[in-house]
N, C-alpha and C. Protein backbone atom coordinates (compact mmCIF):
# COMPACT_ATOMS: atom_id res chain seq x y z
N MET A 1 16.23 19.83 31.72
CA MET A 1 15.70 21.30 32.23
C MET A 1 13.81 21.33 31.81
N SER A 2 13.34 21.58 32.46
CA SER A 2 11.47 21.23 32.28
C SER A 2 10.84 22.48 32.10
N SER A 3 10.22 22.00 31.04
CA SER A 3 9.50 23.06 30.44
C SER A 3 8.53 23.71 31.46
N ALA A 4 8.03 24.76 30.57
CA ALA A 4 7.41 25.49 31.70
C ALA A 4 5.48 24.42 31.82
N ILE A 5 5.36 24.21 30.86
CA ILE A 5 4.01 23.51 31.08
C ILE A 5 4.19 22.01 31.65
N GLU A 6 5.34 21.61 32.11
CA GLU A 6 5.70 20.21 32.98
C GLU A 6 5.98 20.91 34.13
N LEU A 7 6.44 22.11 34.68
CA LEU A 7 6.30 22.64 35.87
C LEU A 7 5.10 22.90 36.00
N ILE A 8 3.99 23.44 35.24
CA ILE A 8 2.44 23.89 36.09
C ILE A 8 1.97 22.49 36.10
N VAL A 9 2.29 21.47 35.11
CA VAL A 9 1.40 20.16 35.40
C VAL A 9 1.81 19.50 36.47
N GLU A 10 3.30 19.79 36.92
CA GLU A 10 3.93 18.85 38.14
C GLU A 10 3.34 19.46 39.72
N GLY A 11 3.11 20.80 39.75
CA GLY A 11 2.12 21.74 40.65
C GLY A 11 0.73 21.00 40.51
N TYR A 12 -0.01 21.29 39.75
CA TYR A 12 -1.24 20.82 39.73
C TYR A 12 -1.27 19.38 40.05
N ALA A 13 -0.75 18.32 39.90
CA ALA A 13 -0.69 16.70 40.11
C ALA A 13 0.02 17.09 41.69
N ARG A 14 0.70 17.67 42.02
CA ARG A 14 0.99 17.61 43.59
C ARG A 14 0.12 18.26 44.48
N LEU A 15 -0.92 19.06 43.85
CA LEU A 15 -1.85 19.44 44.53
C LEU A 15 -3.52 18.49 44.39
N LYS A 16 -3.15 17.73 43.35
CA LYS A 16 -3.98 16.77 43.38
C LYS A 16 -5.18 17.48 42.87
N ASP A 17 -4.80 18.44 41.93
CA ASP A 17 -5.88 19.07 41.14
C ASP A 17 -6.26 19.04 39.99
N ARG A 18 -7.10 17.62 39.78
CA ARG A 18 -7.60 17.50 38.69
C ARG A 18 -8.34 18.00 37.49
N GLN A 19 -9.23 18.89 37.97
CA GLN A 19 -10.01 20.08 37.60
C GLN A 19 -9.11 21.05 36.65
N SER A 20 -8.04 21.32 37.15
CA SER A 20 -7.23 22.39 36.53
C SER A 20 -6.58 21.54 35.30
N LEU A 21 -6.22 20.51 35.54
CA LEU A 21 -5.20 19.90 34.67
C LEU A 21 -6.18 19.45 33.17
N GLU A 22 -7.50 18.87 33.51
CA GLU A 22 -8.57 18.95 32.50
C GLU A 22 -8.49 19.93 31.79
N ASP A 23 -8.87 21.23 32.48
CA ASP A 23 -8.97 22.51 32.08
C ASP A 23 -7.86 22.89 30.97
N LEU A 24 -6.60 22.69 31.38
CA LEU A 24 -5.57 22.81 30.55
C LEU A 24 -5.59 22.16 29.39
N ARG A 25 -5.79 20.91 29.60
CA ARG A 25 -6.16 19.83 28.10
C ARG A 25 -6.65 20.47 27.44
N MET A 26 -7.82 20.74 27.87
CA MET A 26 -9.06 21.35 26.88
C MET A 26 -8.49 22.46 25.88
N HIS A 27 -8.11 23.54 27.17
CA HIS A 27 -7.52 24.57 26.37
C HIS A 27 -6.36 24.30 24.82
N ARG A 28 -5.41 23.24 25.41
CA ARG A 28 -4.35 22.99 24.29
C ARG A 28 -5.21 22.31 23.24
N ARG A 29 -5.93 21.37 23.51
CA ARG A 29 -6.82 21.24 22.39
C ARG A 29 -7.33 21.78 21.47
N ARG A 30 -7.96 22.91 21.91
CA ARG A 30 -8.64 23.79 21.40
C ARG A 30 -7.81 24.48 20.63
N LEU A 31 -6.35 25.06 21.12
CA LEU A 31 -5.63 25.23 20.76
C LEU A 31 -5.15 25.00 19.43
N ALA A 32 -4.63 23.57 19.65
CA ALA A 32 -4.27 22.60 18.26
C ALA A 32 -5.71 22.76 17.15
N VAL A 33 -6.51 22.82 17.49
CA VAL A 33 -7.78 22.47 16.33
C VAL A 33 -7.70 23.95 15.58
N ASP A 34 -7.48 25.39 16.06
CA ASP A 34 -7.20 26.47 15.62
C ASP A 34 -6.04 26.50 15.07
N LEU A 35 -4.84 26.03 15.24
CA LEU A 35 -3.92 25.80 14.36
C LEU A 35 -3.59 25.36 13.30
N LYS A 36 -4.68 24.08 13.42
CA LYS A 36 -4.49 23.07 11.95
C LYS A 36 -5.49 23.93 11.30
N ALA A 37 -6.48 24.56 11.67
CA ALA A 37 -7.42 25.20 10.79
C ALA A 37 -6.77 26.36 10.04
N ARG A 38 -5.56 26.53 10.52
CA ARG A 38 -5.15 28.14 9.88
C ARG A 38 -4.67 27.65 8.42
N THR A 39 -5.04 28.86 7.66
CA THR A 39 -4.03 28.43 6.02
C THR A 39 -2.93 29.72 5.90
N GLY A 40 -2.13 29.70 5.24
CA GLY A 40 -1.37 30.52 4.83
C GLY A 40 0.06 30.74 5.89
N PHE A 41 -0.14 30.11 6.98
CA PHE A 41 1.03 30.38 7.92
C PHE A 41 1.36 29.00 7.82
N ASP A 42 2.74 28.40 8.24
CA ASP A 42 3.46 27.68 9.06
C ASP A 42 3.39 27.22 10.01
N CYS A 43 2.64 26.65 10.61
CA CYS A 43 2.43 26.24 11.69
C CYS A 43 2.73 24.67 12.58
N ARG A 44 3.34 24.12 11.90
CA ARG A 44 4.27 22.81 12.44
C ARG A 44 4.45 23.06 13.73
N SER A 45 5.07 23.59 13.95
CA SER A 45 6.17 23.82 14.96
C SER A 45 5.54 24.12 16.20
N SER A 46 4.15 24.92 16.13
CA SER A 46 3.44 25.50 17.25
C SER A 46 2.70 24.28 17.47
N ILE A 47 2.12 23.53 16.42
CA ILE A 47 1.27 22.32 16.33
C ILE A 47 2.11 21.23 17.49
N ALA A 48 3.34 21.18 16.77
CA ALA A 48 3.89 20.00 17.54
C ALA A 48 4.20 20.32 19.07
N GLN A 49 4.29 21.60 19.24
CA GLN A 49 4.62 22.21 20.82
C GLN A 49 3.37 21.96 21.56
N VAL A 50 1.94 22.40 20.84
CA VAL A 50 0.91 22.37 21.88
C VAL A 50 0.47 20.72 21.95
N GLU A 51 0.93 19.78 20.71
CA GLU A 51 0.71 18.30 20.81
C GLU A 51 2.01 17.95 22.28
N GLN A 52 3.27 18.16 22.26
CA GLN A 52 3.73 17.65 23.24
C GLN A 52 3.32 18.45 24.79
N ASP A 53 2.94 19.53 24.78
CA ASP A 53 1.89 20.26 25.92
C ASP A 53 0.76 19.15 26.63
N ILE A 54 0.21 18.38 25.36
CA ILE A 54 -0.73 17.91 25.89
C ILE A 54 -0.12 16.48 26.30
N ALA A 55 0.57 16.09 26.04
CA ALA A 55 1.28 14.64 26.64
C ALA A 55 1.64 14.78 27.35
N ALA A 56 2.20 16.33 27.68
CA ALA A 56 2.43 16.09 29.44
C ALA A 56 1.42 16.18 30.44
N ILE A 57 0.12 16.90 29.92
CA ILE A 57 -0.87 17.07 30.72
C ILE A 57 -1.43 15.86 30.91
N GLU A 58 -1.36 14.54 29.89
CA GLU A 58 -2.13 13.63 29.93
C GLU A 58 -1.22 12.53 30.97
N ALA A 59 0.15 12.97 31.02
CA ALA A 59 1.43 12.25 32.02
C ALA A 59 0.49 12.83 33.45
N GLY A 60 0.24 13.58 33.69
CA GLY A 60 0.04 14.44 34.89
C GLY A 60 -1.31 13.68 35.12
N LEU A 61 -1.74 13.63 34.20
CA LEU A 61 -3.74 12.96 34.97
C LEU A 61 -3.30 11.65 35.24
N GLN A 62 -2.25 10.80 34.66
CA GLN A 62 -2.24 9.59 34.37
C GLN A 62 -1.63 9.55 36.25
N THR A 63 -1.07 10.26 36.70
CA THR A 63 -0.24 10.23 38.08
C THR A 63 -1.32 10.23 38.75
N LEU A 64 -2.69 11.01 38.84
CA LEU A 64 -3.45 11.32 39.51
C LEU A 64 -4.96 9.91 39.46
N SER A 65 -4.43 8.97 38.55
CA SER A 65 -5.14 7.95 38.15
C SER A 65 -4.62 6.64 38.83
N ALA A 66 -3.35 6.90 39.00
CA ALA A 66 -2.61 5.67 39.35
C ALA A 66 -2.95 5.43 40.64
N PRO A 67 -3.04 3.96 40.67
CA PRO A 67 -3.05 3.28 42.53
C PRO A 67 -1.97 4.10 43.20
N ILE A 68 -2.49 3.89 44.66
CA ILE A 68 -1.76 4.52 45.50
C ILE A 68 -0.61 3.12 45.66
N ALA A 69 0.55 3.02 45.62
CA ALA A 69 1.40 1.56 46.27
C ALA A 69 1.65 1.88 47.96
N GLY A 70 1.33 1.24 48.40
CA GLY A 70 1.62 1.10 49.95
C GLY A 70 1.56 -0.35 50.09
């Protein structure tokens, strides 16, 4: 089963909407920085999820950068 972020990335990739993917990646990167800066809370699972989201977004960006087979 695909995660919500994977479905969102798939939609943006299908639309070839690179800017939205870039914006989404930047948001997730800021979120990761904010979570890592937190003290007094165990945010490891949230950080791991955000890092997985970033990996999925980067995979979607790679599909837009791949040469067109033909």
